Amino acid sequence: MEIPDKYKSVIVEALEDLLYKVSLDLAKMKGSPLTTDRKRLTKKQRQIEELQHRITSDMVKS
């Protein structure tokens, strides 16, 4: 997927905000059993981090 350069910084900022929200949700679950919801949030967190890394790496290359 090709993302125009003019949108990359906005997307990274939005991903940072989303990652913060997911991190807060996960922090509330810290120490509790690994529920389906916690697994889902952990997976979502990894996906957001990966996407953020891909976009920022591409920004550095450009």
PDB file of N, CA and C in Angstrom:
ATOM      1  N   MET A   1       0.844  -1.178   0.000  1.00  0.00           N
ATOM      2  CA  MET A   1       0.000   0.000   0.000  1.00  0.00           C
ATOM      3  C   MET A   1       0.884   1.234   0.000  1.00  0.00           C
ATOM      4  N   GLU A   2       0.620   2.109  -0.865  1.00  0.00           N
ATOM      5  CA  GLU A   2       1.383   3.350  -0.986  1.00  0.00           C
ATOM      6  C   GLU A   2       0.638   4.467  -0.263  1.00  0.00           C
ATOM      7  N   ILE A   3       1.337   5.134   0.650  1.00  0.00           N
ATOM      8  CA  ILE A   3       0.754   6.251   1.394  1.00  0.00           C
ATOM      9  C   ILE A   3       1.465   7.526   0.955  1.00  0.00           C
ATOM     10  N   PRO A   4       0.719   8.512   0.469  1.00  0.00           N
ATOM     11  CA  PRO A   4       1.355   9.772   0.080  1.00  0.00           C
ATOM     12  C   PRO A   4       2.083  10.407   1.275  1.00  0.00           C
ATOM     13  N   ASP A   5       3.243  10.982   1.008  1.00  0.00           N
ATOM     14  CA  ASP A   5       4.073  11.577   2.062  1.00  0.00           C
ATOM     15  C   ASP A   5       3.318  12.594   2.914  1.00  0.00           C
ATOM     16  N   LYS A   6       2.436  13.351   2.301  1.00  0.00           N
ATOM     17  CA  LYS A   6       1.756  14.412   3.046  1.00  0.00           C
ATOM     18  C   LYS A   6       0.836  13.862   4.142  1.00  0.00           C
ATOM     19  N   TYR A   7       0.481  12.578   4.090  1.00  0.00           N
ATOM     20  CA  TYR A   7      -0.401  11.982   5.089  1.00  0.00           C
ATOM     21  C   TYR A   7       0.344  11.190   6.157  1.00  0.00           C
ATOM     22  N   LYS A   8       1.584  10.877   5.926  1.00  0.00           N
ATOM     23  CA  LYS A   8       2.316   9.984   6.826  1.00  0.00           C
ATOM     24  C   LYS A   8       2.440  10.525   8.242  1.00  0.00           C
ATOM     25  N   SER A   9       2.767  11.790   8.403  1.00  0.00           N
ATOM     26  CA  SER A   9       2.936  12.334   9.751  1.00  0.00           C
ATOM     27  C   SER A   9       1.608  12.342  10.512  1.00  0.00           C
ATOM     28  N   VAL A  10       0.522  12.602   9.817  1.00  0.00           N
ATOM     29  CA  VAL A  10      -0.796  12.597  10.454  1.00  0.00           C
ATOM     30  C   VAL A  10      -1.176  11.173  10.864  1.00  0.00           C
ATOM     31  N   ILE A  11      -0.867  10.216  10.020  1.00  0.00           N
ATOM     32  CA  ILE A  11      -1.170   8.816  10.332  1.00  0.00           C
ATOM     33  C   ILE A  11      -0.338   8.355  11.520  1.00  0.00           C
ATOM     34  N   VAL A  12       0.931   8.712  11.562  1.00  0.00           N
ATOM     35  CA  VAL A  12       1.795   8.322  12.688  1.00  0.00           C
ATOM     36  C   VAL A  12       1.262   8.940  13.983  1.00  0.00           C
ATOM     37  N   GLU A  13       0.850  10.186  13.935  1.00  0.00           N
ATOM     38  CA  GLU A  13       0.292  10.843  15.120  1.00  0.00           C
ATOM     39  C   GLU A  13      -0.983  10.142  15.587  1.00  0.00           C
ATOM     40  N   ALA A  14      -1.842   9.780  14.654  1.00  0.00           N
ATOM     41  CA  ALA A  14      -3.075   9.069  14.998  1.00  0.00           C
ATOM     42  C   ALA A  14      -2.760   7.694  15.592  1.00  0.00           C
ATOM     43  N   LEU A  15      -1.761   7.020  15.048  1.00  0.00           N
ATOM     44  CA  LEU A  15      -1.357   5.717  15.582  1.00  0.00           C
ATOM     45  C   LEU A  15      -0.795   5.857  16.995  1.00  0.00           C
ATOM     46  N   GLU A  16      -0.050   6.919  17.249  1.00  0.00           N
ATOM     47  CA  GLU A  16       0.475   7.165  18.593  1.00  0.00           C
ATOM     48  C   GLU A  16      -0.666   7.356  19.592  1.00  0.00           C
ATOM     49  N   ASP A  17      -1.676   8.117  19.199  1.00  0.00           N
ATOM     50  CA  ASP A  17      -2.837   8.329  20.061  1.00  0.00           C
ATOM     51  C   ASP A  17      -3.578   7.017  20.320  1.00  0.00           C
ATOM     52  N   LEU A  18      -3.747   6.225  19.285  1.00  0.00           N
ATOM     53  CA  LEU A  18      -4.422   4.935  19.426  1.00  0.00           C
ATOM     54  C   LEU A  18      -3.604   3.984  20.296  1.00  0.00           C
ATOM     55  N   LEU A  19      -2.305   3.987  20.108  1.00  0.00           N
ATOM     56  CA  LEU A  19      -1.427   3.141  20.907  1.00  0.00           C
ATOM     57  C   LEU A  19      -1.493   3.537  22.382  1.00  0.00           C
ATOM     58  N   TYR A  20      -1.559   4.820  22.650  1.00  0.00           N
ATOM     59  CA  TYR A  20      -1.692   5.307  24.024  1.00  0.00           C
ATOM     60  C   TYR A  20      -2.997   4.806  24.645  1.00  0.00           C
ATOM     61  N   LYS A  21      -4.082   4.885  23.904  1.00  0.00           N
ATOM     62  CA  LYS A  21      -5.381   4.428  24.388  1.00  0.00           C
ATOM     63  C   LYS A  21      -5.352   2.927  24.682  1.00  0.00           C
ATOM     64  N   VAL A  22      -4.792   2.142  23.780  1.00  0.00           N
ATOM     65  CA  VAL A  22      -4.707   0.699  23.969  1.00  0.00           C
ATOM     66  C   VAL A  22      -3.819   0.381  25.177  1.00  0.00           C
ATOM     67  N   SER A  23      -2.732   1.125  25.327  1.00  0.00           N
ATOM     68  CA  SER A  23      -1.834   0.911  26.466  1.00  0.00           C
ATOM     69  C   SER A  23      -2.545   1.190  27.792  1.00  0.00           C
ATOM     70  N   LEU A  24      -3.368   2.226  27.828  1.00  0.00           N
ATOM     71  CA  LEU A  24      -4.130   2.517  29.038  1.00  0.00           C
ATOM     72  C   LEU A  24      -5.105   1.391  29.352  1.00  0.00           C
ATOM     73  N   ASP A  25      -5.772   0.885  28.328  1.00  0.00           N
ATOM     74  CA  ASP A  25      -6.706  -0.228  28.511  1.00  0.00           C
ATOM     75  C   ASP A  25      -5.977  -1.470  29.023  1.00  0.00           C
ATOM     76  N   LEU A  26      -4.805  -1.743  28.467  1.00  0.00           N
ATOM     77  CA  LEU A  26      -4.023  -2.898  28.910  1.00  0.00           C
ATOM     78  C   LEU A  26      -3.502  -2.714  30.337  1.00  0.00           C
ATOM     79  N   ALA A  27      -3.160  -1.491  30.693  1.00  0.00           N
ATOM     80  CA  ALA A  27      -2.654  -1.216  32.043  1.00  0.00           C
ATOM     81  C   ALA A  27      -3.722  -1.535  33.093  1.00  0.00           C
ATOM     82  N   LYS A  28      -4.978  -1.294  32.748  1.00  0.00           N
ATOM     83  CA  LYS A  28      -6.081  -1.608  33.668  1.00  0.00           C
ATOM     84  C   LYS A  28      -6.180  -3.113  33.907  1.00  0.00           C
ATOM     85  N   MET A  29      -5.729  -3.900  32.942  1.00  0.00           N
ATOM     86  CA  MET A  29      -5.836  -5.354  33.018  1.00  0.00           C
ATOM     87  C   MET A  29      -4.569  -6.008  33.583  1.00  0.00           C
ATOM     88  N   LYS A  30      -3.570  -5.209  33.883  1.00  0.00           N
ATOM     89  CA  LYS A  30      -2.293  -5.742  34.356  1.00  0.00           C
ATOM     90  C   LYS A  30      -2.506  -6.592  35.614  1.00  0.00           C
ATOM     91  N   GLY A  31      -1.914  -7.765  35.591  1.00  0.00           N
ATOM     92  CA  GLY A  31      -2.018  -8.666  36.725  1.00  0.00           C
ATOM     93  C   GLY A  31      -3.238  -9.560  36.709  1.00  0.00           C
ATOM     94  N   SER A  32      -4.125  -9.297  35.780  1.00  0.00           N
ATOM     95  CA  SER A  32      -5.328 -10.129  35.680  1.00  0.00           C
ATOM     96  C   SER A  32      -5.077 -11.286  34.703  1.00  0.00           C
ATOM     97  N   PRO A  33      -5.968 -12.267  34.694  1.00  0.00           N
ATOM     98  CA  PRO A  33      -5.798 -13.401  33.777  1.00  0.00           C
ATOM     99  C   PRO A  33      -5.783 -12.952  32.313  1.00  0.00           C
ATOM    100  N   LEU A  34      -5.190 -13.775  31.475  1.00  0.00           N
ATOM    101  CA  LEU A  34      -5.094 -13.486  30.047  1.00  0.00           C
ATOM    102  C   LEU A  34      -6.423 -13.822  29.377  1.00  0.00           C
ATOM    103  N   THR A  35      -7.347 -12.877  29.442  1.00  0.00           N
ATOM    104  CA  THR A  35      -8.676 -13.066  28.873  1.00  0.00           C
ATOM    105  C   THR A  35      -8.650 -12.859  27.366  1.00  0.00           C
ATOM    106  N   THR A  36      -9.742 -13.192  26.729  1.00  0.00           N
ATOM    107  CA  THR A  36      -9.870 -12.985  25.280  1.00  0.00           C
ATOM    108  C   THR A  36      -9.713 -11.508  24.937  1.00  0.00           C
ATOM    109  N   ASP A  37     -10.297 -10.649  25.754  1.00  0.00           N
ATOM    110  CA  ASP A  37     -10.216  -9.210  25.499  1.00  0.00           C
ATOM    111  C   ASP A  37      -8.778  -8.712  25.643  1.00  0.00           C
ATOM    112  N   ARG A  38      -8.078  -9.219  26.640  1.00  0.00           N
ATOM    113  CA  ARG A  38      -6.678  -8.816  26.841  1.00  0.00           C
ATOM    114  C   ARG A  38      -5.802  -9.313  25.695  1.00  0.00           C
ATOM    115  N   LYS A  39      -6.046 -10.531  25.224  1.00  0.00           N
ATOM    116  CA  LYS A  39      -5.304 -11.065  24.078  1.00  0.00           C
ATOM    117  C   LYS A  39      -5.557 -10.211  22.834  1.00  0.00           C
ATOM    118  N   ARG A  40      -6.812  -9.822  22.646  1.00  0.00           N
ATOM    119  CA  ARG A  40      -7.179  -8.998  21.493  1.00  0.00           C
ATOM    120  C   ARG A  40      -6.453  -7.656  21.537  1.00  0.00           C
ATOM    121  N   LEU A  41      -6.448  -7.027  22.719  1.00  0.00           N
ATOM    122  CA  LEU A  41      -5.772  -5.734  22.856  1.00  0.00           C
ATOM    123  C   LEU A  41      -4.266  -5.853  22.666  1.00  0.00           C
ATOM    124  N   THR A  42      -3.681  -6.937  23.161  1.00  0.00           N
ATOM    125  CA  THR A  42      -2.243  -7.152  22.994  1.00  0.00           C
ATOM    126  C   THR A  42      -1.899  -7.324  21.517  1.00  0.00           C
ATOM    127  N   LYS A  43      -2.724  -8.080  20.808  1.00  0.00           N
ATOM    128  CA  LYS A  43      -2.513  -8.261  19.371  1.00  0.00           C
ATOM    129  C   LYS A  43      -2.656  -6.930  18.640  1.00  0.00           C
ATOM    130  N   LYS A  44      -3.661  -6.160  19.014  1.00  0.00           N
ATOM    131  CA  LYS A  44      -3.891  -4.850  18.404  1.00  0.00           C
ATOM    132  C   LYS A  44      -2.695  -3.927  18.655  1.00  0.00           C
ATOM    133  N   GLN A  45      -2.162  -3.967  19.871  1.00  0.00           N
ATOM    134  CA  GLN A  45      -1.005  -3.154  20.222  1.00  0.00           C
ATOM    135  C   GLN A  45       0.193  -3.510  19.331  1.00  0.00           C
ATOM    136  N   ARG A  46       0.454  -4.792  19.155  1.00  0.00           N
ATOM    137  CA  ARG A  46       1.569  -5.227  18.294  1.00  0.00           C
ATOM    138  C   ARG A  46       1.362  -4.766  16.855  1.00  0.00           C
ATOM    139  N   GLN A  47       0.134  -4.874  16.361  1.00  0.00           N
ATOM    140  CA  GLN A  47      -0.148  -4.469  14.982  1.00  0.00           C
ATOM    141  C   GLN A  47       0.043  -2.968  14.799  1.00  0.00           C
ATOM    142  N   ILE A  48      -0.403  -2.183  15.760  1.00  0.00           N
ATOM    143  CA  ILE A  48      -0.237  -0.727  15.683  1.00  0.00           C
ATOM    144  C   ILE A  48       1.244  -0.373  15.696  1.00  0.00           C
ATOM    145  N   GLU A  49       1.999  -1.023  16.588  1.00  0.00           N
ATOM    146  CA  GLU A  49       3.440  -0.756  16.665  1.00  0.00           C
ATOM    147  C   GLU A  49       4.135  -1.120  15.359  1.00  0.00           C
ATOM    148  N   GLU A  50       3.748  -2.238  14.765  1.00  0.00           N
ATOM    149  CA  GLU A  50       4.353  -2.655  13.497  1.00  0.00           C
ATOM    150  C   GLU A  50       4.031  -1.662  12.386  1.00  0.00           C
ATOM    151  N   LEU A  51       2.789  -1.244  12.311  1.00  0.00           N
ATOM    152  CA  LEU A  51       2.381  -0.280  11.284  1.00  0.00           C
ATOM    153  C   LEU A  51       3.098   1.051  11.479  1.00  0.00           C
ATOM    154  N   GLN A  52       3.175   1.487  12.724  1.00  0.00           N
ATOM    155  CA  GLN A  52       3.872   2.733  13.033  1.00  0.00           C
ATOM    156  C   GLN A  52       5.344   2.631  12.610  1.00  0.00           C
ATOM    157  N   HIS A  53       5.969   1.511  12.906  1.00  0.00           N
ATOM    158  CA  HIS A  53       7.371   1.306  12.525  1.00  0.00           C
ATOM    159  C   HIS A  53       7.540   1.324  11.008  1.00  0.00           C
ATOM    160  N   ARG A  54       6.640   0.658  10.302  1.00  0.00           N
ATOM    161  CA  ARG A  54       6.734   0.618   8.835  1.00  0.00           C
ATOM    162  C   ARG A  54       6.625   2.011   8.235  1.00  0.00           C
ATOM    163  N   ILE A  55       5.694   2.797   8.751  1.00  0.00           N
ATOM    164  CA  ILE A  55       5.489   4.140   8.201  1.00  0.00           C
ATOM    165  C   ILE A  55       6.671   5.045   8.532  1.00  0.00           C
ATOM    166  N   THR A  56       7.134   5.002   9.783  1.00  0.00           N
ATOM    167  CA  THR A  56       8.256   5.877  10.156  1.00  0.00           C
ATOM    168  C   THR A  56       9.537   5.455   9.438  1.00  0.00           C
ATOM    169  N   SER A  57       9.734   4.170   9.231  1.00  0.00           N
ATOM    170  CA  SER A  57      10.910   3.703   8.475  1.00  0.00           C
ATOM    171  C   SER A  57      10.855   4.210   7.042  1.00  0.00           C
ATOM    172  N   ASP A  58       9.664   4.194   6.480  1.00  0.00           N
ATOM    173  CA  ASP A  58       9.476   4.688   5.115  1.00  0.00           C
ATOM    174  C   ASP A  58       9.703   6.204   5.058  1.00  0.00           C
ATOM    175  N   MET A  59       9.328   6.911   6.116  1.00  0.00           N
ATOM    176  CA  MET A  59       9.526   8.366   6.158  1.00  0.00           C
ATOM    177  C   MET A  59      11.020   8.682   6.173  1.00  0.00           C
ATOM    178  N   VAL A  60      11.812   7.898   6.873  1.00  0.00           N
ATOM    179  CA  VAL A  60      13.252   8.112   6.953  1.00  0.00           C
ATOM    180  C   VAL A  60      13.907   7.869   5.592  1.00  0.00           C
ATOM    181  N   LYS A  61      13.420   6.857   4.886  1.00  0.00           N
ATOM    182  CA  LYS A  61      13.963   6.525   3.559  1.00  0.00           C
ATOM    183  C   LYS A  61      13.664   7.604   2.536  1.00  0.00           C
ATOM    184  N   SER A  62      12.531   8.293   2.689  1.00  0.00           N
ATOM    185  CA  SER A  62      12.104   9.285   1.685  1.00  0.00           C
ATOM    186  C   SER A  62      12.909  10.548   1.747  1.00  0.00           C
TER     187      SER A  62
END
